[in-house]
Amino acid sequence: MSMPHEFLGVLPGLAWLAFFYATRHKRSQSFGNILRVFLTGCVVTVPAVIVERLTGAGITEGPAVHSALVSFLLIGPIEEFFKLLAVWLAVYRSQDFREPLDGIIYSLTAALGFSSVENIIFIAVIGPDAFWSRVLYATPAHLLFASMWGYSLGVARFQRQGELVTVGKGLLVASLLHGAYDAVVALYPHAARLSLLPLMAFMVWLMSRRVKEFRNTSPFLPIGDGAVIACPSCHAYALETEAACPRCGSPMPPMETDAPRYCGHCRAPLDPCRDTCPRCGTPVNLRSLCPPTSLPVER
């Protein structure tokens, strides 16, 4: 098997990176973060494959009950957990995780990294004939599965309690959908291309609804009136007047005068010399942080 054939599966991921790089000036996520999440998604494929080998997870034709159990209890949870771990390790606690929609963007990026390595493995084992089935079905499916927990990450990152429960719910939904997909492939391998279409259409509809929800509603849950700062320990947003972080409980130290502060309602960066938020118009009072006006020079 020639190397070019094996690396055909990376093309969707490279296309995404190229698209993001070309349009990076229009987006809140930096290309560096996207690249880091993509590469982390590639790396976590290795331990995922090892765990699957050790547990005997694999799509094979066999008894229906066995195929269903392997799909729902092993393959789905293992692969979705490691994809989520890629985002968690690479960017979840970063201040560059700025709005809920970032959860979906980063989840898709990690899924593309994961599926790129998986595509290489499948094409190397099966041959170039596996390219189209991987690109047209498996890769989009990985993106749709990941968007389920990506949505939950976007919600959990900006809520003040129940973070792990919210993420766990999204991971469970993704694992069930992933298991359903693999079960169909195992039970109906020759008719999978048709039998998978309703499931994939449902996931597209569900992901579209969640993206629309993030775009049409305020991207942040209001924390309260006043300036918001990022916790030095976990980077969660908290009111500057709070003594401890509401998420991790760490003491909130006094912030430097020039430290970034954000609106408690919309998270827009605040200008200390303005009495209102530049985005939503909420009144703020940071005049004490405004640099003094330069005195006119006498002539």
C-alpha atoms as a PDB file:
ATOM      1  CA  MET A   1       0.000   0.000   0.000  1.00  0.00           C
ATOM      2  CA  SER A   2       1.455   3.330  -1.043  1.00  0.00           C
ATOM      3  CA  MET A   3       1.656   6.169   1.443  1.00  0.00           C
ATOM      4  CA  PRO A   4      -0.487   8.605  -0.622  1.00  0.00           C
ATOM      5  CA  HIS A   5      -3.424   6.175  -0.468  1.00  0.00           C
ATOM      6  CA  GLU A   6      -3.159   5.824   3.267  1.00  0.00           C
ATOM      7  CA  PHE A   7      -3.198   9.567   3.833  1.00  0.00           C
ATOM      8  CA  LEU A   8      -6.223  10.290   1.669  1.00  0.00           C
ATOM      9  CA  GLY A   9      -8.310  10.227   4.843  1.00  0.00           C
ATOM     10  CA  VAL A  10      -6.617  13.376   6.133  1.00  0.00           C
ATOM     11  CA  LEU A  11      -8.066  15.481   3.312  1.00  0.00           C
ATOM     12  CA  PRO A  12     -11.318  16.494   5.132  1.00  0.00           C
ATOM     13  CA  GLY A  13      -9.327  17.650   8.155  1.00  0.00           C
ATOM     14  CA  LEU A  14      -6.830  19.577   6.046  1.00  0.00           C
ATOM     15  CA  ALA A  15      -9.678  21.188   4.114  1.00  0.00           C
ATOM     16  CA  TRP A  16     -11.216  22.358   7.412  1.00  0.00           C
ATOM     17  CA  LEU A  17      -7.914  23.796   8.613  1.00  0.00           C
ATOM     18  CA  ALA A  18      -7.386  25.588   5.297  1.00  0.00           C
ATOM     19  CA  PHE A  19     -10.909  27.021   5.399  1.00  0.00           C
ATOM     20  CA  PHE A  20     -10.502  28.182   8.973  1.00  0.00           C
ATOM     21  CA  TYR A  21      -7.125  29.743   8.274  1.00  0.00           C
ATOM     22  CA  ALA A  22      -8.524  31.635   5.257  1.00  0.00           C
ATOM     23  CA  THR A  23     -11.429  33.037   7.302  1.00  0.00           C
ATOM     24  CA  ARG A  24      -9.768  33.331  10.705  1.00  0.00           C
ATOM     25  CA  HIS A  25     -10.099  37.124  10.827  1.00  0.00           C
ATOM     26  CA  LYS A  26     -13.899  36.759  10.915  1.00  0.00           C
ATOM     27  CA  ARG A  27     -14.012  34.358  13.849  1.00  0.00           C
ATOM     28  CA  SER A  28     -13.557  34.528  17.608  1.00  0.00           C
ATOM     29  CA  GLN A  29     -11.411  31.371  17.743  1.00  0.00           C
ATOM     30  CA  SER A  30      -7.733  31.696  16.875  1.00  0.00           C
ATOM     31  CA  PHE A  31      -6.189  29.434  14.255  1.00  0.00           C
ATOM     32  CA  GLY A  32      -3.622  28.367  16.859  1.00  0.00           C
ATOM     33  CA  ASN A  33      -6.379  27.001  19.102  1.00  0.00           C
ATOM     34  CA  ILE A  34      -8.061  25.234  16.195  1.00  0.00           C
ATOM     35  CA  LEU A  35      -4.769  23.642  15.163  1.00  0.00           C
ATOM     36  CA  ARG A  36      -4.031  22.570  18.754  1.00  0.00           C
ATOM     37  CA  VAL A  37      -7.461  20.953  19.132  1.00  0.00           C
ATOM     38  CA  PHE A  38      -7.119  19.227  15.744  1.00  0.00           C
ATOM     39  CA  LEU A  39      -3.701  17.801  16.621  1.00  0.00           C
ATOM     40  CA  THR A  40      -4.896  16.732  20.070  1.00  0.00           C
ATOM     41  CA  GLY A  41      -7.804  14.975  18.379  1.00  0.00           C
ATOM     42  CA  CYS A  42      -5.263  13.134  16.224  1.00  0.00           C
ATOM     43  CA  VAL A  43      -3.183  12.139  19.255  1.00  0.00           C
ATOM     44  CA  VAL A  44      -6.066  10.780  21.373  1.00  0.00           C
ATOM     45  CA  THR A  45      -6.927   8.348  18.585  1.00  0.00           C
ATOM     46  CA  VAL A  46      -3.954   6.232  19.664  1.00  0.00           C
ATOM     47  CA  PRO A  47      -5.107   5.525  23.261  1.00  0.00           C
ATOM     48  CA  ALA A  48      -8.674   5.088  21.969  1.00  0.00           C
ATOM     49  CA  VAL A  49      -7.511   2.357  19.574  1.00  0.00           C
ATOM     50  CA  ILE A  50      -5.485   0.716  22.339  1.00  0.00           C
ATOM     51  CA  VAL A  51      -8.486   0.663  24.701  1.00  0.00           C
ATOM     52  CA  GLU A  52     -10.683  -0.742  21.937  1.00  0.00           C
ATOM     53  CA  ARG A  53      -8.172  -3.500  21.244  1.00  0.00           C
ATOM     54  CA  LEU A  54      -7.900  -4.379  24.928  1.00  0.00           C
ATOM     55  CA  THR A  55     -11.680  -4.490  25.393  1.00  0.00           C
ATOM     56  CA  GLY A  56     -12.355  -6.346  22.152  1.00  0.00           C
ATOM     57  CA  ALA A  57     -14.365  -3.477  20.658  1.00  0.00           C
ATOM     58  CA  GLY A  58     -14.775  -3.723  16.920  1.00  0.00           C
ATOM     59  CA  ILE A  59     -17.479  -3.759  14.267  1.00  0.00           C
ATOM     60  CA  THR A  60     -17.877  -7.345  13.121  1.00  0.00           C
ATOM     61  CA  GLU A  61     -20.692  -9.368  11.640  1.00  0.00           C
ATOM     62  CA  GLY A  62     -22.082 -11.602  14.360  1.00  0.00           C
ATOM     63  CA  PRO A  63     -25.055 -12.159  16.676  1.00  0.00           C
ATOM     64  CA  ALA A  64     -27.314  -9.114  16.886  1.00  0.00           C
ATOM     65  CA  VAL A  65     -27.144  -8.876  20.674  1.00  0.00           C
ATOM     66  CA  HIS A  66     -23.338  -9.036  20.714  1.00  0.00           C
ATOM     67  CA  SER A  67     -23.036  -6.406  17.963  1.00  0.00           C
ATOM     68  CA  ALA A  68     -25.431  -4.081  19.784  1.00  0.00           C
ATOM     69  CA  LEU A  69     -23.648  -4.468  23.112  1.00  0.00           C
ATOM     70  CA  VAL A  70     -20.228  -3.809  21.597  1.00  0.00           C
ATOM     71  CA  SER A  71     -21.521  -0.772  19.689  1.00  0.00           C
ATOM     72  CA  PHE A  72     -23.404   0.855  22.564  1.00  0.00           C
ATOM     73  CA  LEU A  73     -21.233  -0.096  25.529  1.00  0.00           C
ATOM     74  CA  LEU A  74     -17.724   0.012  24.046  1.00  0.00           C
ATOM     75  CA  ILE A  75     -17.157   1.695  20.687  1.00  0.00           C
ATOM     76  CA  GLY A  76     -19.481   4.675  21.160  1.00  0.00           C
ATOM     77  CA  PRO A  77     -18.470   5.631  24.724  1.00  0.00           C
ATOM     78  CA  ILE A  78     -14.743   5.007  24.156  1.00  0.00           C
ATOM     79  CA  GLU A  79     -14.406   7.087  21.007  1.00  0.00           C
ATOM     80  CA  GLU A  80     -16.635   9.939  22.157  1.00  0.00           C
ATOM     81  CA  PHE A  81     -14.855  10.131  25.512  1.00  0.00           C
ATOM     82  CA  PHE A  82     -11.435  10.492  23.907  1.00  0.00           C
ATOM     83  CA  LYS A  83     -12.664  13.108  21.421  1.00  0.00           C
ATOM     84  CA  LEU A  84     -14.161  15.105  24.284  1.00  0.00           C
ATOM     85  CA  LEU A  85     -10.916  14.684  26.217  1.00  0.00           C
ATOM     86  CA  ALA A  86      -9.067  16.322  23.314  1.00  0.00           C
ATOM     87  CA  VAL A  87     -11.117  19.521  23.651  1.00  0.00           C
ATOM     88  CA  TRP A  88     -10.973  19.408  27.445  1.00  0.00           C
ATOM     89  CA  LEU A  89      -7.185  19.168  27.473  1.00  0.00           C
ATOM     90  CA  ALA A  90      -6.494  21.543  24.599  1.00  0.00           C
ATOM     91  CA  VAL A  91      -8.774  24.497  25.120  1.00  0.00           C
ATOM     92  CA  TYR A  92     -11.764  24.008  27.430  1.00  0.00           C
ATOM     93  CA  ARG A  93     -10.318  25.907  30.399  1.00  0.00           C
ATOM     94  CA  SER A  94      -8.686  28.536  28.216  1.00  0.00           C
ATOM     95  CA  GLN A  95      -9.940  32.112  28.177  1.00  0.00           C
ATOM     96  CA  ASP A  96     -10.096  31.708  24.402  1.00  0.00           C
ATOM     97  CA  PHE A  97     -13.156  29.511  24.917  1.00  0.00           C
ATOM     98  CA  ARG A  98     -15.221  32.675  24.700  1.00  0.00           C
ATOM     99  CA  GLU A  99     -18.797  31.712  23.901  1.00  0.00           C
ATOM    100  CA  PRO A 100     -21.059  28.627  23.895  1.00  0.00           C
ATOM    101  CA  LEU A 101     -20.840  28.188  20.126  1.00  0.00           C
ATOM    102  CA  ASP A 102     -17.110  27.561  20.589  1.00  0.00           C
ATOM    103  CA  GLY A 103     -18.053  24.222  22.155  1.00  0.00           C
ATOM    104  CA  ILE A 104     -19.489  23.006  18.862  1.00  0.00           C
ATOM    105  CA  ILE A 105     -16.661  24.491  16.772  1.00  0.00           C
ATOM    106  CA  TYR A 106     -13.975  22.846  18.888  1.00  0.00           C
ATOM    107  CA  SER A 107     -15.868  19.535  19.046  1.00  0.00           C
ATOM    108  CA  LEU A 108     -16.036  19.379  15.246  1.00  0.00           C
ATOM    109  CA  THR A 109     -12.326  20.154  15.051  1.00  0.00           C
ATOM    110  CA  ALA A 110     -11.396  17.387  17.502  1.00  0.00           C
ATOM    111  CA  ALA A 111     -13.646  14.954  15.644  1.00  0.00           C
ATOM    112  CA  LEU A 112     -11.912  15.785  12.362  1.00  0.00           C
ATOM    113  CA  GLY A 113      -8.518  15.135  13.935  1.00  0.00           C
ATOM    114  CA  PHE A 114      -9.744  11.835  15.384  1.00  0.00           C
ATOM    115  CA  SER A 115     -11.406  10.695  12.154  1.00  0.00           C
ATOM    116  CA  SER A 116      -8.336  11.682  10.107  1.00  0.00           C
ATOM    117  CA  VAL A 117      -6.149   9.189  11.949  1.00  0.00           C
ATOM    118  CA  GLU A 118      -8.929   6.605  11.948  1.00  0.00           C
ATOM    119  CA  ASN A 119      -9.319   7.096   8.189  1.00  0.00           C
ATOM    120  CA  ILE A 120      -5.604   6.436   7.684  1.00  0.00           C
ATOM    121  CA  ILE A 121      -5.907   3.193   9.630  1.00  0.00           C
ATOM    122  CA  PHE A 122      -8.964   1.976   7.728  1.00  0.00           C
ATOM    123  CA  ILE A 123      -7.579   2.878   4.306  1.00  0.00           C
ATOM    124  CA  ALA A 124      -4.261   1.228   5.161  1.00  0.00           C
ATOM    125  CA  VAL A 125      -6.032  -1.989   6.182  1.00  0.00           C
ATOM    126  CA  ILE A 126      -8.883  -2.130   3.645  1.00  0.00           C
ATOM    127  CA  GLY A 127      -7.358  -0.186   0.761  1.00  0.00           C
ATOM    128  CA  PRO A 128      -8.212   2.953  -1.238  1.00  0.00           C
ATOM    129  CA  ASP A 129     -11.735   1.640  -1.855  1.00  0.00           C
ATOM    130  CA  ALA A 130     -12.561   2.608   1.728  1.00  0.00           C
ATOM    131  CA  PHE A 131     -11.894   6.297   1.015  1.00  0.00           C
ATOM    132  CA  TRP A 132     -15.370   7.308  -0.159  1.00  0.00           C
ATOM    133  CA  SER A 133     -17.261   5.423   2.540  1.00  0.00           C
ATOM    134  CA  ARG A 134     -15.019   7.045   5.155  1.00  0.00           C
ATOM    135  CA  VAL A 135     -15.339  10.547   3.718  1.00  0.00           C
ATOM    136  CA  LEU A 136     -19.050  10.434   2.894  1.00  0.00           C
ATOM    137  CA  TYR A 137     -20.275   8.551   5.959  1.00  0.00           C
ATOM    138  CA  ALA A 138     -17.806   7.906   8.779  1.00  0.00           C
ATOM    139  CA  THR A 139     -16.210  11.364   8.904  1.00  0.00           C
ATOM    140  CA  PRO A 140     -19.517  13.331   8.859  1.00  0.00           C
ATOM    141  CA  ALA A 141     -20.887  10.897  11.445  1.00  0.00           C
ATOM    142  CA  HIS A 142     -17.953  11.616  13.774  1.00  0.00           C
ATOM    143  CA  LEU A 143     -18.689  15.340  13.449  1.00  0.00           C
ATOM    144  CA  LEU A 144     -22.373  14.873  14.205  1.00  0.00           C
ATOM    145  CA  PHE A 145     -21.707  12.648  17.232  1.00  0.00           C
ATOM    146  CA  ALA A 146     -19.200  15.153  18.632  1.00  0.00           C
ATOM    147  CA  SER A 147     -21.566  18.082  18.195  1.00  0.00           C
ATOM    148  CA  MET A 148     -23.801  16.526  20.859  1.00  0.00           C
ATOM    149  CA  TRP A 149     -21.227  16.827  23.642  1.00  0.00           C
ATOM    150  CA  GLY A 150     -19.835  19.971  22.006  1.00  0.00           C
ATOM    151  CA  TYR A 151     -23.193  21.604  22.670  1.00  0.00           C
ATOM    152  CA  SER A 152     -23.013  20.483  26.293  1.00  0.00           C
ATOM    153  CA  LEU A 153     -19.480  21.854  26.643  1.00  0.00           C
ATOM    154  CA  GLY A 154     -20.693  25.198  25.326  1.00  0.00           C
ATOM    155  CA  VAL A 155     -23.467  25.294  27.917  1.00  0.00           C
ATOM    156  CA  ALA A 156     -21.380  23.949  30.802  1.00  0.00           C
ATOM    157  CA  ARG A 157     -18.438  26.312  30.267  1.00  0.00           C
ATOM    158  CA  PHE A 158     -20.545  29.344  31.151  1.00  0.00           C
ATOM    159  CA  GLN A 159     -22.918  28.010  33.798  1.00  0.00           C
ATOM    160  CA  ARG A 160     -22.181  28.344  37.472  1.00  0.00           C
ATOM    161  CA  GLN A 161     -23.013  24.828  38.690  1.00  0.00           C
ATOM    162  CA  GLY A 162     -23.733  21.316  37.433  1.00  0.00           C
ATOM    163  CA  GLU A 163     -20.869  21.480  34.936  1.00  0.00           C
ATOM    164  CA  LEU A 164     -19.931  17.786  34.900  1.00  0.00           C
ATOM    165  CA  VAL A 165     -23.570  16.664  34.866  1.00  0.00           C
ATOM    166  CA  THR A 166     -24.248  18.791  31.789  1.00  0.00           C
ATOM    167  CA  VAL A 167     -21.156  17.478  30.002  1.00  0.00           C
ATOM    168  CA  GLY A 168     -22.056  13.912  30.985  1.00  0.00           C
ATOM    169  CA  LYS A 169     -25.515  14.229  29.438  1.00  0.00           C
ATOM    170  CA  GLY A 170     -24.043  15.374  26.147  1.00  0.00           C
ATOM    171  CA  LEU A 171     -21.502  12.554  26.196  1.00  0.00           C
ATOM    172  CA  LEU A 172     -24.277  10.034  26.824  1.00  0.00           C
ATOM    173  CA  VAL A 173     -26.341  11.282  23.866  1.00  0.00           C
ATOM    174  CA  ALA A 174     -23.281  11.195  21.599  1.00  0.00           C
ATOM    175  CA  SER A 175     -22.387   7.673  22.746  1.00  0.00           C
ATOM    176  CA  LEU A 176     -25.919   6.397  22.096  1.00  0.00           C
ATOM    177  CA  LEU A 177     -26.021   7.887  18.601  1.00  0.00           C
ATOM    178  CA  HIS A 178     -22.547   6.551  17.878  1.00  0.00           C
ATOM    179  CA  GLY A 179     -23.619   3.128  19.128  1.00  0.00           C
ATOM    180  CA  ALA A 180     -26.732   3.196  16.951  1.00  0.00           C
ATOM    181  CA  TYR A 181     -24.631   4.045  13.892  1.00  0.00           C
ATOM    182  CA  ASP A 182     -22.156   1.223  14.514  1.00  0.00           C
ATOM    183  CA  ALA A 183     -24.932  -1.247  15.303  1.00  0.00           C
ATOM    184  CA  VAL A 184     -26.562  -0.536  11.944  1.00  0.00           C
ATOM    185  CA  VAL A 185     -23.227  -1.042  10.169  1.00  0.00           C
ATOM    186  CA  ALA A 186     -22.668  -4.335  12.012  1.00  0.00           C
ATOM    187  CA  LEU A 187     -26.185  -5.700  11.456  1.00  0.00           C
ATOM    188  CA  TYR A 188     -26.748  -4.491   7.884  1.00  0.00           C
ATOM    189  CA  PRO A 189     -23.287  -4.041   6.340  1.00  0.00           C
ATOM    190  CA  HIS A 190     -24.462  -4.365   2.749  1.00  0.00           C
ATOM    191  CA  ALA A 191     -27.406  -1.969   3.162  1.00  0.00           C
ATOM    192  CA  ALA A 192     -25.730   0.465   5.552  1.00  0.00           C
ATOM    193  CA  ARG A 193     -25.435   3.264   3.007  1.00  0.00           C
ATOM    194  CA  LEU A 194     -29.222   3.489   2.799  1.00  0.00           C
ATOM    195  CA  SER A 195     -30.172   2.422   6.316  1.00  0.00           C
ATOM    196  CA  LEU A 196     -27.883   5.049   7.878  1.00  0.00           C
ATOM    197  CA  LEU A 197     -29.469   7.984   6.043  1.00  0.00           C
ATOM    198  CA  PRO A 198     -32.430   8.497   8.443  1.00  0.00           C
ATOM    199  CA  LEU A 199     -30.104   8.456  11.464  1.00  0.00           C
ATOM    200  CA  MET A 200     -27.693  10.931   9.892  1.00  0.00           C
ATOM    201  CA  ALA A 201     -30.548  13.185   8.783  1.00  0.00           C
ATOM    202  CA  PHE A 202     -31.854  13.220  12.356  1.00  0.00           C
ATOM    203  CA  MET A 203     -28.420  14.166  13.706  1.00  0.00           C
ATOM    204  CA  VAL A 204     -28.063  16.960  11.133  1.00  0.00           C
ATOM    205  CA  TRP A 205     -31.443  18.331  12.212  1.00  0.00           C
ATOM    206  CA  LEU A 206     -30.505  18.114  15.883  1.00  0.00           C
ATOM    207  CA  MET A 207     -27.136  19.794  15.410  1.00  0.00           C
ATOM    208  CA  SER A 208     -28.710  22.559  13.296  1.00  0.00           C
ATOM    209  CA  ARG A 209     -31.219  23.288  16.038  1.00  0.00           C
ATOM    210  CA  ARG A 210     -28.481  23.588  18.627  1.00  0.00           C
ATOM    211  CA  VAL A 211     -26.324  25.854  16.490  1.00  0.00           C
ATOM    212  CA  LYS A 212     -29.378  28.013  15.792  1.00  0.00           C
ATOM    213  CA  GLU A 213     -30.127  28.152  19.517  1.00  0.00           C
ATOM    214  CA  PHE A 214     -26.652  29.465  20.283  1.00  0.00           C
ATOM    215  CA  ARG A 215     -26.857  32.018  17.483  1.00  0.00           C
ATOM    216  CA  ASN A 216     -30.346  33.310  18.194  1.00  0.00           C
ATOM    217  CA  THR A 217     -30.133  33.586  21.966  1.00  0.00           C
ATOM    218  CA  SER A 218     -27.727  35.558  24.057  1.00  0.00           C
ATOM    219  CA  PRO A 219     -24.461  33.633  23.941  1.00  0.00           C
ATOM    220  CA  PHE A 220     -24.031  33.994  27.687  1.00  0.00           C
ATOM    221  CA  LEU A 221     -26.138  33.527  30.772  1.00  0.00           C
ATOM    222  CA  PRO A 222     -26.118  36.845  32.661  1.00  0.00           C
ATOM    223  CA  ILE A 223     -23.999  36.654  35.809  1.00  0.00           C
ATOM    224  CA  GLY A 224     -25.046  39.994  37.259  1.00  0.00           C
ATOM    225  CA  ASP A 225     -24.484  43.727  37.075  1.00  0.00           C
ATOM    226  CA  GLY A 226     -20.933  44.932  36.993  1.00  0.00           C
ATOM    227  CA  ALA A 227     -17.567  43.854  35.644  1.00  0.00           C
ATOM    228  CA  VAL A 228     -16.693  40.202  35.168  1.00  0.00           C
ATOM    229  CA  ILE A 229     -13.174  38.786  35.378  1.00  0.00           C
ATOM    230  CA  ALA A 230     -11.669  35.365  34.651  1.00  0.00           C
ATOM    231  CA  CYS A 231     -10.734  33.151  37.598  1.00  0.00           C
ATOM    232  CA  PRO A 232      -6.939  32.672  37.641  1.00  0.00           C
ATOM    233  CA  SER A 233      -7.389  28.984  38.542  1.00  0.00           C
ATOM    234  CA  CYS A 234     -10.138  27.635  36.258  1.00  0.00           C
ATOM    235  CA  HIS A 235     -10.771  30.641  33.959  1.00  0.00           C
ATOM    236  CA  ALA A 236     -14.481  30.659  34.764  1.00  0.00           C
ATOM    237  CA  TYR A 237     -16.106  34.071  34.638  1.00  0.00           C
ATOM    238  CA  ALA A 238     -17.054  35.668  37.970  1.00  0.00           C
ATOM    239  CA  LEU A 239     -18.100  39.114  39.145  1.00  0.00           C
ATOM    240  CA  GLU A 240     -15.115  41.145  40.259  1.00  0.00           C
ATOM    241  CA  THR A 241     -16.882  41.845  43.542  1.00  0.00           C
ATOM    242  CA  GLU A 242     -17.011  38.134  44.484  1.00  0.00           C
ATOM    243  CA  ALA A 243     -14.478  36.926  47.031  1.00  0.00           C
ATOM    244  CA  ALA A 244     -14.231  33.388  45.631  1.00  0.00           C
ATOM    245  CA  CYS A 245     -14.753  31.727  42.262  1.00  0.00           C
ATOM    246  CA  PRO A 246     -18.308  30.284  42.087  1.00  0.00           C
ATOM    247  CA  ARG A 247     -17.026  27.238  40.181  1.00  0.00           C
ATOM    248  CA  CYS A 248     -13.771  26.104  41.798  1.00  0.00           C
ATOM    249  CA  GLY A 249     -13.894  28.060  45.074  1.00  0.00           C
ATOM    250  CA  SER A 250     -10.452  29.633  44.635  1.00  0.00           C
ATOM    251  CA  PRO A 251      -9.991  33.096  46.180  1.00  0.00           C
ATOM    252  CA  MET A 252     -10.349  35.909  43.656  1.00  0.00           C
ATOM    253  CA  PRO A 253      -7.273  38.112  44.049  1.00  0.00           C
ATOM    254  CA  PRO A 254      -7.432  41.854  43.354  1.00  0.00           C
ATOM    255  CA  MET A 255      -7.004  42.462  39.645  1.00  0.00           C
ATOM    256  CA  GLU A 256      -4.521  44.880  38.163  1.00  0.00           C
ATOM    257  CA  THR A 257      -5.917  48.155  36.881  1.00  0.00           C
ATOM    258  CA  ASP A 258      -5.235  47.226  33.263  1.00  0.00           C
ATOM    259  CA  ALA A 259      -6.495  43.618  33.576  1.00  0.00           C
ATOM    260  CA  PRO A 260      -9.277  42.738  31.088  1.00  0.00           C
ATOM    261  CA  ARG A 261     -12.811  43.071  32.398  1.00  0.00           C
ATOM    262  CA  TYR A 262     -15.996  41.937  30.704  1.00  0.00           C
ATOM    263  CA  CYS A 263     -19.681  42.795  30.837  1.00  0.00           C
ATOM    264  CA  GLY A 264     -21.658  40.625  33.252  1.00  0.00           C
ATOM    265  CA  HIS A 265     -24.497  40.371  30.720  1.00  0.00           C
ATOM    266  CA  CYS A 266     -22.881  39.857  27.315  1.00  0.00           C
ATOM    267  CA  ARG A 267     -19.139  39.338  28.092  1.00  0.00           C
ATOM    268  CA  ALA A 268     -18.043  42.150  25.807  1.00  0.00           C
ATOM    269  CA  PRO A 269     -14.679  43.691  26.813  1.00  0.00           C
ATOM    270  CA  LEU A 270     -15.322  46.820  28.878  1.00  0.00           C
ATOM    271  CA  ASP A 271     -13.756  50.201  28.374  1.00  0.00           C
ATOM    272  CA  PRO A 272     -13.174  51.702  31.850  1.00  0.00           C
ATOM    273  CA  CYS A 273     -13.634  55.173  30.416  1.00  0.00           C
ATOM    274  CA  ARG A 274     -17.201  54.420  29.292  1.00  0.00           C
ATOM    275  CA  ASP A 275     -20.253  54.329  31.544  1.00  0.00           C
ATOM    276  CA  THR A 276     -22.012  51.610  29.545  1.00  0.00           C
ATOM    277  CA  CYS A 277     -21.132  48.303  27.885  1.00  0.00           C
ATOM    278  CA  PRO A 278     -20.158  48.950  24.249  1.00  0.00           C
ATOM    279  CA  ARG A 279     -22.218  45.951  23.078  1.00  0.00           C
ATOM    280  CA  CYS A 280     -25.423  45.743  25.125  1.00  0.00           C
ATOM    281  CA  GLY A 281     -25.533  49.176  26.803  1.00  0.00           C
ATOM    282  CA  THR A 282     -25.674  47.851  30.380  1.00  0.00           C
ATOM    283  CA  PRO A 283     -24.538  50.559  32.853  1.00  0.00           C
ATOM    284  CA  VAL A 284     -21.087  49.977  34.319  1.00  0.00           C
ATOM    285  CA  ASN A 285     -19.016  51.997  36.744  1.00  0.00           C
ATOM    286  CA  LEU A 286     -15.285  51.616  36.154  1.00  0.00           C
ATOM    287  CA  ARG A 287     -14.362  55.281  36.160  1.00  0.00           C
ATOM    288  CA  SER A 288     -11.830  54.712  38.918  1.00  0.00           C
ATOM    289  CA  LEU A 289      -9.846  52.559  36.469  1.00  0.00           C
ATOM    290  CA  CYS A 290      -9.885  55.099  33.658  1.00  0.00           C
ATOM    291  CA  PRO A 291      -6.430  56.584  33.063  1.00  0.00           C
ATOM    292  CA  PRO A 292      -6.248  60.304  33.968  1.00  0.00           C
ATOM    293  CA  THR A 293      -6.542  62.689  31.057  1.00  0.00           C
ATOM    294  CA  SER A 294      -3.220  64.191  30.039  1.00  0.00           C
ATOM    295  CA  LEU A 295      -2.815  67.801  31.065  1.00  0.00           C
ATOM    296  CA  PRO A 296      -2.355  70.324  28.238  1.00  0.00           C
ATOM    297  CA  VAL A 297       1.212  71.399  27.687  1.00  0.00           C
ATOM    298  CA  GLU A 298       1.820  75.085  28.492  1.00  0.00           C
ATOM    299  CA  ARG A 299       3.423  77.165  25.769  1.00  0.00           C
END
